[in-house]
Amino acid sequence: MARARVRVRGRVQGVFFRAELRERARSLGLAGWVRNAADGSVEAALEGERERVETLLRWCGRGPALADVDDVEVAWEEPRGEEQFSVH
């Protein structure tokens, strides 16, 4: 099990980033959360099998069709045993 905190910067709010990330996380069997940050970025915590977390992190570098991702910042953390994925 692995857990990554990610912050995605660029044009990532108002482009369905959170909704699509949630659907992709659920399809990969990942737990955690995603939210818009006050600075215009999107923050997320992704928890599950490391390979699946890395797959979703790669997607974060592209985002949905309307997104324009400038930067993805990742910090690995200890898993917390989350069981669901939610949007905050």
Protein backbone atom coordinates (compact mmCIF):
# COMPACT_ATOMS: atom_id res chain seq x y z
CA MET A 1 0.00 0.00 0.00
CA ALA A 2 1.11 3.55 -0.76
CA ARG A 3 -0.22 7.06 -0.23
CA ALA A 4 0.64 10.17 -2.21
CA ARG A 5 -0.38 13.78 -1.60
CA VAL A 6 -0.52 15.67 -4.86
CA ARG A 7 -0.98 19.32 -5.80
CA VAL A 8 -1.75 20.09 -9.44
CA ARG A 9 -1.26 23.63 -10.72
CA GLY A 10 -2.39 25.30 -13.93
CA ARG A 11 -5.88 25.62 -15.37
CA VAL A 12 -7.30 22.85 -13.19
CA GLN A 13 -10.40 24.35 -11.59
CA GLY A 14 -13.66 24.62 -13.51
CA VAL A 15 -12.57 21.91 -15.99
CA PHE A 16 -14.06 18.81 -14.24
CA PHE A 17 -10.66 17.84 -12.79
CA ARG A 18 -12.06 16.72 -9.43
CA ALA A 19 -14.94 14.75 -10.92
CA GLU A 20 -12.77 12.92 -13.41
CA LEU A 21 -10.05 12.24 -10.84
CA ARG A 22 -12.69 10.78 -8.52
CA GLU A 23 -14.00 8.47 -11.25
CA ARG A 24 -10.50 7.34 -12.23
CA ALA A 25 -9.54 6.75 -8.59
CA ARG A 26 -12.64 4.66 -8.02
CA SER A 27 -12.06 2.64 -11.21
CA LEU A 28 -8.50 1.92 -10.01
CA GLY A 29 -9.75 0.91 -6.57
CA LEU A 30 -8.01 3.81 -4.82
CA ALA A 31 -9.14 5.62 -1.69
CA GLY A 32 -8.54 9.21 -0.60
CA TRP A 33 -9.94 12.60 -1.51
CA VAL A 34 -9.66 15.57 -3.89
CA ARG A 35 -10.46 19.26 -3.37
CA ASN A 36 -9.97 22.69 -4.93
CA ALA A 37 -7.42 24.82 -3.09
CA ALA A 38 -7.79 28.57 -2.51
CA ASP A 39 -4.74 29.30 -4.70
CA GLY A 40 -6.43 27.81 -7.80
CA SER A 41 -4.69 24.45 -7.63
CA VAL A 42 -6.22 21.02 -6.98
CA GLU A 43 -5.06 18.93 -4.00
CA ALA A 44 -5.58 15.21 -3.59
CA ALA A 45 -4.58 12.25 -1.43
CA LEU A 46 -4.39 8.93 -3.27
CA GLU A 47 -4.09 5.66 -1.38
CA GLY A 48 -3.87 2.08 -2.62
CA GLU A 49 -1.53 -0.19 -4.54
CA ARG A 50 1.55 1.83 -5.48
CA GLU A 51 1.35 0.98 -9.20
CA ARG A 52 -2.25 2.20 -9.33
CA VAL A 53 -1.38 5.39 -7.43
CA GLU A 54 1.43 6.04 -9.92
CA THR A 55 -0.99 5.46 -12.82
CA LEU A 56 -3.30 8.16 -11.46
CA LEU A 57 -0.37 10.50 -10.78
CA ARG A 58 0.61 10.22 -14.46
CA TRP A 59 -2.96 11.15 -15.42
CA CYS A 60 -2.72 14.19 -13.11
CA GLY A 61 0.07 15.45 -15.36
CA ARG A 62 -2.46 15.67 -18.21
CA GLY A 63 -5.82 16.04 -16.51
CA PRO A 64 -9.16 16.14 -18.33
CA ALA A 65 -9.47 17.53 -21.85
CA LEU A 66 -10.11 21.16 -20.78
CA ALA A 67 -7.26 21.28 -18.24
CA ASP A 68 -3.87 22.86 -18.84
CA VAL A 69 -1.52 21.38 -16.23
CA ASP A 70 1.62 23.40 -15.45
CA ASP A 71 3.03 21.47 -12.48
CA VAL A 72 2.40 18.35 -10.40
CA GLU A 73 3.93 18.22 -6.91
CA VAL A 74 3.93 14.82 -5.18
CA ALA A 75 4.80 13.91 -1.58
CA TRP A 76 4.71 10.28 -0.45
CA GLU A 77 3.17 9.61 2.97
CA GLU A 78 2.39 6.66 5.19
CA PRO A 79 -0.95 5.03 4.24
CA ARG A 80 -3.80 5.88 6.60
CA GLY A 81 -6.15 3.02 5.80
CA GLU A 82 -8.73 5.10 3.96
CA GLU A 83 -11.44 3.01 2.33
CA GLN A 84 -13.37 5.39 0.05
CA PHE A 85 -12.67 8.23 -2.34
CA SER A 86 -14.45 11.55 -1.84
CA VAL A 87 -14.61 15.08 -3.24
CA HIS A 88 -14.29 17.91 -0.70
